Structures are given as C-alpha cells and as structure tokens.
Protein backbone atom coordinates (compact mmCIF):
# COMPACT_ATOMS: atom_id res chain seq x y z
CA MET A 1 -58.92 -108.28 -31.81
CA GLY A 2 -61.86 -107.88 -29.96
CA ASP A 3 -64.56 -104.79 -29.42
CA LYS A 4 -64.16 -101.91 -26.95
CA PRO A 5 -66.57 -100.02 -25.15
CA SER A 6 -67.59 -95.95 -26.34
CA THR A 7 -67.25 -94.44 -23.19
CA ARG A 8 -64.28 -94.65 -20.40
CA PRO A 9 -65.51 -96.61 -17.64
CA ARG A 10 -65.81 -94.89 -14.32
CA SER A 11 -62.61 -94.45 -12.49
CA GLY A 12 -61.41 -97.73 -10.61
CA THR A 13 -63.53 -100.77 -9.78
CA GLY A 14 -62.16 -101.83 -6.79
CA ARG A 15 -62.82 -101.18 -2.81
CA THR A 16 -60.68 -100.48 -0.53
CA ARG A 17 -59.41 -102.97 1.61
CA ARG A 18 -58.00 -102.05 5.00
CA ALA A 19 -54.57 -102.92 6.65
CA SER A 20 -55.25 -105.16 9.67
CA LYS A 21 -51.77 -106.39 10.74
CA ARG A 22 -49.01 -103.54 11.66
CA ASP A 23 -45.90 -103.67 9.55
CA ASP A 24 -43.98 -105.92 11.99
CA GLU A 25 -46.49 -108.53 10.99
CA VAL A 26 -46.65 -108.70 7.71
CA ALA A 27 -44.04 -110.50 6.82
CA LEU A 28 -44.68 -114.50 5.90
CA GLN A 29 -48.31 -113.91 6.09
CA GLY A 30 -51.14 -115.97 4.52
CA PRO A 31 -52.88 -115.42 1.69
CA THR A 32 -55.36 -111.61 2.38
CA PRO A 33 -58.89 -111.50 0.82
CA ASP A 34 -58.74 -110.40 -2.86
CA PRO A 35 -60.03 -106.77 -3.98
CA GLU A 36 -62.40 -106.47 -6.35
CA PHE A 37 -61.11 -105.96 -10.32
CA VAL A 38 -62.33 -106.13 -14.30
CA GLN A 39 -62.19 -110.07 -14.60
CA LEU A 40 -63.94 -111.55 -17.69
CA LEU A 41 -62.51 -115.11 -17.48
CA SER A 42 -62.59 -116.96 -14.02
CA PRO A 43 -59.64 -119.36 -12.45
CA ASP A 44 -62.18 -122.51 -13.29
CA GLY A 45 -62.39 -120.93 -17.05
CA GLU A 46 -65.91 -119.54 -17.25
CA ARG A 47 -66.51 -116.54 -18.94
CA VAL A 48 -67.43 -113.68 -16.63
CA ASP A 49 -69.85 -110.39 -17.93
CA HIS A 50 -68.68 -106.90 -17.42
CA PRO A 51 -70.16 -103.89 -17.41
CA ASP A 52 -67.76 -101.87 -18.91
CA TYR A 53 -65.55 -104.36 -20.69
CA SER A 54 -65.71 -106.75 -23.25
CA VAL A 55 -63.88 -109.17 -26.06
CA ASP A 56 -64.97 -110.54 -28.91
CA PHE A 57 -62.40 -112.99 -30.22
CA THR A 58 -62.78 -115.42 -32.76
CA ASP A 59 -61.91 -118.87 -32.07
CA GLU A 60 -58.47 -119.25 -33.63
CA GLU A 61 -57.92 -115.94 -31.44
CA TYR A 62 -58.60 -117.68 -28.42
CA ARG A 63 -55.71 -120.32 -29.13
CA GLY A 64 -54.00 -118.00 -30.11
CA LEU A 65 -53.71 -116.64 -27.09
CA TYR A 66 -53.39 -119.79 -25.15
CA ARG A 67 -50.20 -120.23 -27.35
CA ASP A 68 -48.69 -117.43 -26.72
CA LEU A 69 -48.97 -117.89 -23.28
CA VAL A 70 -47.70 -121.47 -23.13
CA ILE A 71 -44.52 -120.63 -25.09
CA VAL A 72 -43.70 -117.94 -22.87
CA ARG A 73 -43.87 -119.74 -19.87
CA ARG A 74 -41.97 -122.32 -21.46
CA LEU A 75 -38.84 -119.93 -22.54
CA ASP A 76 -38.90 -118.04 -19.18
CA LEU A 77 -38.40 -121.39 -17.30
CA GLU A 78 -35.68 -122.71 -19.85
CA SER A 79 -34.20 -119.44 -19.61
CA THR A 80 -34.22 -120.05 -15.50
CA ALA A 81 -32.77 -123.46 -16.45
CA LEU A 82 -30.01 -121.63 -18.23
CA GLN A 83 -28.78 -119.65 -15.80
CA ARG A 84 -29.10 -122.48 -13.25
CA GLN A 85 -26.45 -124.50 -15.39
CA GLY A 86 -24.33 -121.39 -15.47
CA HIS A 87 -24.85 -120.26 -19.12
CA LEU A 88 -26.33 -117.02 -17.87
CA ALA A 89 -25.56 -114.44 -15.10
CA ILE A 90 -28.73 -113.72 -13.71
CA TRP A 91 -32.63 -114.01 -15.09
CA ALA A 92 -35.70 -112.02 -13.89
CA SER A 93 -38.70 -114.51 -13.95
CA LEU A 94 -41.99 -113.60 -15.23
CA GLU A 95 -43.78 -116.94 -14.25
CA GLY A 96 -47.12 -116.37 -12.99
CA GLN A 97 -47.43 -113.19 -14.75
CA GLU A 98 -47.92 -114.19 -18.32
CA ALA A 99 -51.57 -112.95 -18.72
CA ALA A 100 -50.53 -109.75 -17.80
CA GLN A 101 -48.28 -109.31 -20.24
CA ILE A 102 -49.94 -111.23 -22.96
CA GLY A 103 -53.30 -109.83 -22.39
CA SER A 104 -51.36 -106.19 -22.55
CA GLY A 105 -49.10 -106.96 -25.08
CA ARG A 106 -51.93 -107.99 -27.43
CA ALA A 107 -53.65 -105.11 -27.22
CA LEU A 108 -50.86 -102.90 -28.40
CA ARG A 109 -51.11 -101.56 -31.90
CA LYS A 110 -48.54 -101.58 -34.52
CA GLN A 111 -47.88 -97.90 -33.76
CA ASP A 112 -48.15 -97.87 -30.42
CA MET A 113 -44.60 -97.64 -28.03
CA ALA A 114 -43.84 -99.91 -25.23
CA PHE A 115 -41.29 -99.12 -22.27
CA PRO A 116 -40.51 -102.14 -20.09
CA THR A 117 -38.61 -102.90 -17.26
CA TYR A 118 -36.24 -106.04 -16.86
CA ARG A 119 -39.00 -108.68 -17.07
CA GLU A 120 -41.52 -107.85 -20.00
CA HIS A 121 -40.29 -111.12 -21.98
CA GLY A 122 -43.83 -112.08 -22.75
CA VAL A 123 -44.44 -108.05 -24.10
CA LEU A 124 -41.04 -108.45 -25.96
CA TRP A 125 -42.81 -111.94 -27.64
CA CYS A 126 -45.90 -109.87 -28.53
CA ARG A 127 -43.95 -107.22 -29.92
CA GLY A 128 -42.24 -109.64 -32.66
CA VAL A 129 -38.39 -109.31 -30.98
CA ASP A 130 -36.45 -112.44 -30.96
CA PRO A 131 -37.00 -114.00 -27.71
CA THR A 132 -33.29 -114.59 -27.74
CA ALA A 133 -32.34 -111.02 -28.15
CA PRO A 134 -32.56 -110.40 -24.10
CA HIS A 135 -30.53 -113.30 -22.89
CA GLY A 136 -27.00 -111.35 -24.03
CA LEU A 137 -27.87 -108.82 -21.41
CA PHE A 138 -28.66 -111.29 -18.62
CA ARG A 139 -25.45 -113.18 -19.97
CA GLY A 140 -23.16 -109.75 -19.48
CA ALA A 141 -22.29 -109.97 -23.50
CA ASP A 142 -24.27 -106.78 -24.64
CA HIS A 143 -26.83 -104.31 -23.43
CA GLY A 144 -29.42 -105.64 -25.47
CA ASP A 145 -29.60 -107.25 -28.86
CA TRP A 146 -32.88 -105.44 -30.72
CA ASP A 147 -33.62 -102.02 -32.09
CA PRO A 148 -36.09 -100.27 -30.15
CA SER A 149 -37.90 -98.00 -33.57
CA GLU A 150 -37.95 -101.33 -35.27
CA HIS A 151 -40.58 -102.79 -33.28
CA ASN A 152 -41.67 -100.36 -31.20
CA PHE A 153 -40.53 -101.96 -27.82
CA ASN A 154 -37.80 -100.07 -25.85
CA LEU A 155 -34.83 -101.61 -24.44
CA TYR A 156 -34.97 -103.55 -21.24
CA THR A 157 -34.63 -101.14 -18.22
CA LEU A 158 -32.43 -102.31 -15.15
CA VAL A 159 -33.11 -98.72 -12.97
CA ILE A 160 -36.45 -99.01 -10.86
CA GLY A 161 -39.20 -96.84 -12.51
CA ALA A 162 -36.63 -94.90 -14.62
CA GLN A 163 -38.66 -96.48 -17.81
CA THR A 164 -41.67 -94.69 -16.75
CA LEU A 165 -40.02 -91.03 -16.87
CA HIS A 166 -38.66 -92.08 -20.70
CA ALA A 167 -42.19 -93.24 -21.49
CA VAL A 168 -44.25 -90.15 -20.56
CA GLY A 169 -41.39 -88.09 -22.39
CA TYR A 170 -42.05 -89.93 -25.51
CA ALA A 171 -45.63 -89.62 -24.97
CA MET A 172 -45.37 -85.95 -24.80
CA GLY A 173 -43.85 -85.96 -27.82
CA ILE A 174 -46.86 -87.85 -29.40
CA GLY A 175 -49.12 -85.33 -28.44
CA TYR A 176 -46.91 -82.33 -29.25
CA ASP A 177 -46.65 -83.81 -32.90
CA GLY A 178 -50.41 -84.30 -33.28
CA LYS A 179 -50.39 -87.96 -33.13
CA VAL A 180 -53.34 -88.67 -31.58
CA GLY A 181 -56.89 -87.60 -31.72
CA THR A 182 -58.10 -90.29 -34.44
CA ASP A 183 -58.02 -94.06 -34.51
CA ASP A 184 -54.99 -94.52 -36.29
CA GLY A 185 -53.20 -91.95 -33.54
CA GLU A 186 -50.32 -93.60 -31.28
CA ALA A 187 -50.06 -93.96 -27.73
CA VAL A 188 -47.23 -95.56 -25.72
CA ILE A 189 -47.15 -98.29 -22.48
CA ALA A 190 -44.71 -97.95 -19.15
CA TYR A 191 -44.47 -101.38 -17.62
CA PHE A 192 -43.56 -101.24 -13.95
CA GLY A 193 -44.10 -103.25 -10.66
CA ASP A 194 -45.41 -102.59 -7.07
CA GLY A 195 -42.13 -101.90 -5.70
CA ALA A 196 -41.33 -99.24 -8.45
CA SER A 197 -44.54 -97.41 -7.22
CA SER A 198 -42.57 -96.06 -4.57
CA GLN A 199 -40.03 -94.69 -6.54
CA GLY A 200 -39.63 -91.01 -7.30
CA ASP A 201 -39.22 -91.59 -10.78
CA VAL A 202 -42.96 -93.34 -11.10
CA HIS A 203 -44.30 -90.74 -9.09
CA GLU A 204 -42.75 -87.98 -11.12
CA ALA A 205 -43.74 -89.46 -14.31
CA CYS A 206 -47.65 -89.78 -13.12
CA VAL A 207 -47.10 -86.35 -12.35
CA PHE A 208 -45.86 -85.28 -16.00
CA ALA A 209 -48.58 -87.52 -17.35
CA GLY A 210 -51.44 -85.71 -15.67
CA VAL A 211 -50.32 -82.06 -16.31
CA TYR A 212 -49.75 -82.74 -19.70
CA HIS A 213 -52.55 -85.02 -20.99
CA ALA A 214 -50.00 -87.42 -22.03
CA PRO A 215 -51.13 -90.16 -24.18
CA VAL A 216 -49.44 -93.08 -21.84
CA VAL A 217 -51.22 -95.88 -19.94
CA LEU A 218 -49.03 -96.81 -17.07
CA PHE A 219 -49.42 -100.44 -16.33
CA CYS A 220 -48.56 -101.84 -13.01
CA GLN A 221 -47.97 -105.29 -12.79
CA ASN A 222 -48.52 -105.54 -8.60
CA ASN A 223 -47.44 -108.91 -8.36
CA GLN A 224 -47.49 -108.86 -4.50
CA TYR A 225 -43.62 -108.48 -4.06
CA ALA A 226 -41.10 -105.70 -4.19
CA ILE A 227 -38.14 -108.36 -4.00
CA SER A 228 -38.78 -109.42 -0.64
CA GLU A 229 -41.32 -106.57 0.36
CA PRO A 230 -44.94 -107.25 0.46
CA VAL A 231 -47.28 -105.13 -1.01
CA GLU A 232 -48.52 -103.80 2.02
CA ARG A 233 -44.69 -102.19 3.13
CA GLN A 234 -45.11 -100.03 -0.51
CA THR A 235 -48.63 -98.90 0.28
CA ARG A 236 -52.05 -98.73 2.36
CA THR A 237 -54.29 -97.88 -0.52
CA PRO A 238 -54.88 -99.78 -3.85
CA ILE A 239 -52.17 -98.65 -6.57
CA TYR A 240 -54.73 -97.91 -8.98
CA GLN A 241 -56.58 -95.36 -6.66
CA ARG A 242 -53.42 -93.50 -6.52
CA ALA A 243 -54.53 -92.11 -10.03
CA ALA A 244 -57.07 -89.75 -8.67
CA GLY A 245 -54.27 -87.80 -6.94
CA TYR A 246 -52.54 -87.15 -10.07
CA GLY A 247 -55.92 -86.60 -12.50
CA PHE A 248 -56.58 -89.47 -14.48
CA PRO A 249 -58.53 -92.67 -14.24
CA GLY A 250 -57.23 -95.65 -12.74
CA VAL A 251 -58.40 -98.96 -12.82
CA ARG A 252 -57.44 -102.86 -11.14
CA VAL A 253 -57.89 -105.89 -13.37
CA ASP A 254 -57.14 -109.28 -12.60
CA GLY A 255 -53.34 -109.97 -13.67
CA ASN A 256 -54.22 -113.57 -14.35
CA ASP A 257 -57.08 -113.24 -16.58
CA VAL A 258 -55.83 -112.39 -20.18
CA LEU A 259 -59.15 -111.59 -21.94
CA ALA A 260 -59.38 -109.04 -18.91
CA CYS A 261 -56.03 -107.56 -19.24
CA TYR A 262 -56.60 -107.46 -23.21
CA ALA A 263 -59.71 -105.24 -23.05
CA VAL A 264 -58.87 -103.07 -19.85
CA THR A 265 -55.62 -102.48 -21.86
CA ARG A 266 -57.36 -101.51 -25.37
CA HIS A 267 -59.68 -99.55 -23.66
CA ALA A 268 -56.94 -96.89 -22.16
CA LEU A 269 -54.59 -97.21 -25.23
CA ASP A 270 -57.66 -96.37 -27.32
CA ALA A 271 -58.50 -93.47 -24.99
CA ALA A 272 -54.63 -92.34 -25.21
CA ARG A 273 -54.75 -92.34 -29.08
CA HIS A 274 -58.04 -90.28 -28.76
CA GLY A 275 -56.49 -87.71 -26.99
CA GLN A 276 -58.29 -88.40 -23.47
CA GLY A 277 -55.32 -88.69 -21.36
CA PRO A 278 -53.54 -91.17 -19.21
CA THR A 279 -54.57 -94.11 -17.44
CA LEU A 280 -53.04 -96.17 -14.20
CA VAL A 281 -53.72 -100.16 -15.05
CA GLU A 282 -52.83 -102.15 -11.86
CA ALA A 283 -52.89 -105.68 -13.01
CA TYR A 284 -53.49 -107.63 -9.44
CA THR A 285 -50.85 -110.63 -10.12
CA TYR A 286 -48.32 -112.88 -8.24
CA ARG A 287 -44.64 -113.93 -8.94
CA MET A 288 -44.70 -117.57 -8.76
CA GLY A 289 -41.18 -117.64 -8.41
CA PRO A 290 -37.96 -115.55 -6.98
CA HIS A 291 -37.71 -111.76 -7.68
CA THR A 292 -34.80 -112.78 -9.74
CA THR A 293 -32.33 -116.03 -9.48
CA THR A 294 -30.41 -114.73 -6.96
CA ASP A 295 -33.37 -114.37 -4.57
CA ASP A 296 -34.49 -117.17 -2.14
CA PRO A 297 -38.27 -116.00 -1.88
CA THR A 298 -38.63 -118.80 0.95
CA ARG A 299 -37.15 -116.38 3.51
CA TYR A 300 -40.18 -114.10 3.25
CA ARG A 301 -43.27 -115.97 2.00
CA ASN A 302 -45.28 -119.33 2.98
CA GLY A 303 -45.68 -122.23 0.95
CA SER A 304 -49.83 -121.61 1.15
CA GLU A 305 -49.95 -118.57 -0.18
CA VAL A 306 -47.78 -119.69 -3.13
CA GLU A 307 -50.19 -122.77 -3.16
CA THR A 308 -53.64 -120.78 -3.17
CA TRP A 309 -51.84 -118.62 -6.22
CA LYS A 310 -51.58 -122.04 -8.25
CA GLN A 311 -55.31 -122.17 -8.26
CA ARG A 312 -55.25 -118.93 -10.19
CA ASP A 313 -52.68 -120.25 -12.75
CA PRO A 314 -53.37 -118.13 -16.31
CA ILE A 315 -52.66 -120.72 -18.68
CA ALA A 316 -54.86 -123.60 -16.87
CA ARG A 317 -57.70 -121.27 -16.56
CA VAL A 318 -57.58 -120.54 -20.51
CA ARG A 319 -57.31 -124.33 -21.31
CA THR A 320 -60.32 -124.97 -19.07
CA PHE A 321 -62.42 -122.60 -21.08
CA LEU A 322 -60.84 -123.73 -24.20
CA GLU A 323 -62.09 -127.21 -23.31
CA LYS A 324 -64.94 -126.66 -22.02
CA GLN A 325 -65.99 -124.33 -25.01
CA LYS A 326 -64.75 -127.53 -27.48
CA ILE A 327 -62.25 -124.78 -28.82
CA ALA A 328 -59.80 -126.97 -28.74
CA ASP A 329 -58.71 -130.77 -28.69
CA ASP A 330 -55.83 -132.46 -27.78
CA ALA A 331 -54.22 -132.38 -30.99
CA PHE A 332 -54.15 -128.31 -30.78
CA PHE A 333 -52.75 -128.79 -27.29
CA ALA A 334 -50.08 -131.31 -28.54
CA ALA A 335 -49.14 -129.17 -31.17
CA VAL A 336 -48.43 -125.97 -28.94
CA ASP A 337 -46.28 -128.12 -26.55
CA ALA A 338 -44.48 -128.94 -29.68
CA ASP A 339 -44.06 -125.89 -31.05
CA ALA A 340 -42.85 -124.88 -27.41
CA ASP A 341 -40.23 -127.70 -27.20
CA ARG A 342 -38.60 -126.51 -30.61
CA ILE A 343 -38.75 -122.31 -29.94
CA THR A 344 -36.82 -122.94 -26.37
CA GLY A 345 -34.79 -125.82 -28.30
CA ARG A 346 -33.62 -123.02 -30.41
CA LEU A 347 -33.08 -120.66 -27.27
CA ARG A 348 -30.93 -123.13 -25.71
CA GLU A 349 -28.97 -124.00 -28.58
CA TYR A 350 -28.71 -120.08 -28.69
CA VAL A 351 -27.55 -119.12 -25.51
CA ILE A 352 -24.91 -122.06 -24.97
CA ASP A 353 -23.21 -121.00 -28.19
CA MET A 354 -23.07 -117.04 -27.56
CA PRO A 355 -19.92 -115.97 -27.90
CA ASP A 356 -18.21 -113.81 -24.89
CA PRO A 357 -17.47 -110.44 -25.41
CA THR A 358 -13.77 -109.38 -26.20
CA PRO A 359 -12.45 -106.11 -23.98
CA GLU A 360 -12.48 -104.23 -26.96
CA MET A 361 -16.49 -104.05 -27.18
CA LEU A 362 -16.35 -101.37 -24.56
CA PHE A 363 -15.47 -98.96 -27.64
CA GLU A 364 -18.42 -100.13 -29.48
CA HIS A 365 -21.59 -98.14 -29.32
CA VAL A 366 -20.27 -94.90 -27.71
CA TYR A 367 -20.69 -92.26 -30.68
CA ALA A 368 -22.63 -92.83 -33.86
CA GLU A 369 -19.95 -91.26 -36.02
CA GLY A 370 -16.75 -92.32 -33.98
CA SER A 371 -14.49 -89.70 -32.11
CA PRO A 372 -10.97 -89.18 -32.45
CA LEU A 373 -10.33 -89.19 -29.02
CA GLN A 374 -11.77 -92.76 -28.45
CA ASP A 375 -9.80 -94.04 -31.34
CA ALA A 376 -7.19 -92.98 -29.58
CA GLU A 377 -8.06 -94.60 -26.46
CA ARG A 378 -8.95 -97.45 -28.27
CA ALA A 379 -5.26 -97.79 -29.96
CA TRP A 380 -3.34 -97.54 -26.50
CA PHE A 381 -5.88 -100.56 -25.12
CA ARG A 382 -5.23 -102.82 -27.62
CA ASP A 383 -1.51 -101.87 -27.33
CA TYR A 384 -1.34 -102.41 -23.31
CA GLN A 385 -3.64 -106.02 -24.43
CA ALA A 386 -0.58 -106.82 -26.76
CA SER A 387 2.03 -106.01 -23.75
CA PHE A 388 0.51 -109.08 -21.84
CA ALA A 389 1.19 -111.43 -24.98
CA GLY A 390 3.39 -114.48 -23.81
CA GLU A 391 2.85 -114.11 -20.21
CA GLY A 392 -0.24 -116.72 -20.18
CA HIS A 393 -2.75 -113.84 -19.74
C-alpha cells in the first residue's frame, strides 16, 4: 500500500517548543501550541504535500483504512462499556489514537514483528488477531489468548517499557541471523507511550538499538499524558529529538493522521529491513478517554483541551476526505456501521459468556513438558480443594 521515498529524510521535522510554565503550573493547563510534524491529511480532510513522505492508495485502500478506524473504535467503546457493566476487571482505551495504530499497523509487512503495550488494540486488529483475544487478560481469565509467532504480534506487556527491550533483543537476533539487507528483510516495531519514555528500560533499549544498529522502529504514541502527568513532566525536549543522542534518526508525525502515520512508519520499517538501523517515531496524538477505566482524567485536565482535540478526530478527518473526494457514499458508511455492529455484538456475547478460570489453571503453561514437582503440587492442590467438599465452599 503506497509508495515510499528512496532515501532517508533528515533527522526530525519539528522544532523545539520552549517550556513556558513552571512544573507546579502545568496541571490543568489549556492546550499548548502544536509543534510541526509530518502531515498528509489535515483535520478538515484536505490532502497535504510533504517533501519526504507520500502515499499512493487506491480508492479501495482509502475506504479500508476508514473501515479499520471505525471498527477499532467501536470495539474499544464496547470494551469500555463491558468493563463498566462488570464483565471486565479493567480496560485500557485507545480512543483518539486509532490513526497512529492503524497507520503504523498497516505499514507492517507479514514478516515483521510487533511488540505492543497493553493498548495496541488497533495494531492487534491489523495483525489479524481475533479482537476478542485480549479480553481474557482484562477479565483475569488468562494471560493473553493468541500465538505471537502465528501473527507476529507479541502478547500484551503490562510492565511499562519492558517490551522495548524485548523488541530490540529480537531485532538484534534478526540482524545476527542475516535477515536484513534486502526488500524481503525483516523489521521490528516496539510501541510505547510518552510516560514510558521516562523508564530506564526504554533508555536501555535505545542504547542497544543504536549501538547494535538493530532493525527496529521505536514507535512512541505521545498521547500527552502518562496516567495523570502531562508530557511536560516527562521531558523538556521533544521526544523524537532524543534519538540524536542514541545515534539514529527521529521524526515526529501527526498521530491523528492515518496517512502520515502509515507513510512515516513504512519508511522507517523499510530503512530497518535494508540494514539502515533504528528510527524513533513520535506520533503526536491525544488520549480522549481515561488512562484506564480506573482513572478519572477530569482531575488533571480541563474540558477545553479535550474539546480542542475533538476537532482533530482521526476518523472524522478521513470521512471528510472520502466525502470531498467522492470516494465513498452513504451506502458505504452505512455498511461500515453495520459491520461494526456485527463485530462488536460478537465481542459482547463472547465476553459475557466467557467462563471463569478454574483454580487448577495456575498449573497450566508453566513447563512445556511438565515436571514431577509440578505434578506433585497439582495433586496436593486437588486434595486440598477436595477437603472443603460439603462445607459450602
């Protein structure tokens, strides 16, 4: 999908915004001036030219991106509703970040490997994983119900930033195996947030990525808040500019522009697979909802900021573009909504009917071929449970 430039762009396309407030004045501040970034589709649905990045999609591919965005948001909203109704223990919403995830996810080739956090439901969708797969994790019924090697999509990682080390290690292995240097080479992408950029694991991953020239894209979704802390309390330097200190390029992209996210990510992945090393991509976006369903964002951000970002909604701008270009009509939009209804309906039925795990599941998936000690412990546990029979337990 789409064309790509033949040379790497200059390192970074934004400017540094000087901090204007003290730390104790950051909370509940209004929207700050936006930085410059790579953009191919404006908030009002107009195509924008960029000297280094472009896409050349067919009408069908444009419609496919819109369908992805709508379905992923609907799945996310349905999952939030299921948590509020007591069917999930917690949910980490992606609302507002759909373009960053669909754009980067569709830029991946089949042979590429992705390492997510716990919020990459859109990338999961792009990799062909059943959208019901993460819900056992968020219900507490399993640890993630998909095979990472089948979809080249690792299990969700709850330890903040740890997946970046996993990704860089995997990418180093690809390099040692000689799976880079051609059009058919492999590449790796690691997702993390602006808050995770303060973690030591992310710093160490960047060090190793740079030193070992690993074929990895470090994709930071800067959604402006690390739980309750604004990005100004994570860094005084734009995140993408940190790449220079590690010795590889960094670029900031409009994270609410699915076309730009695709173009920038595809270029970075192609550079990685051709042996040109890592790239740090900062997708400048916004988390419309809470950090998770246990969070109350009204305690640390104001309504005017949210309203400002609503005007940059990633789905609305693609729909406007499709309408202006006469690429889609009312029948298409209705069909997409019907598909979303069907898919989210199946999700709801699956989650509501999901059985609770049995206590003995603690002993599953510990050893690939079992162990005598584990067998003995399982037998003891069965006897222990049986000892309560008839006592109302």
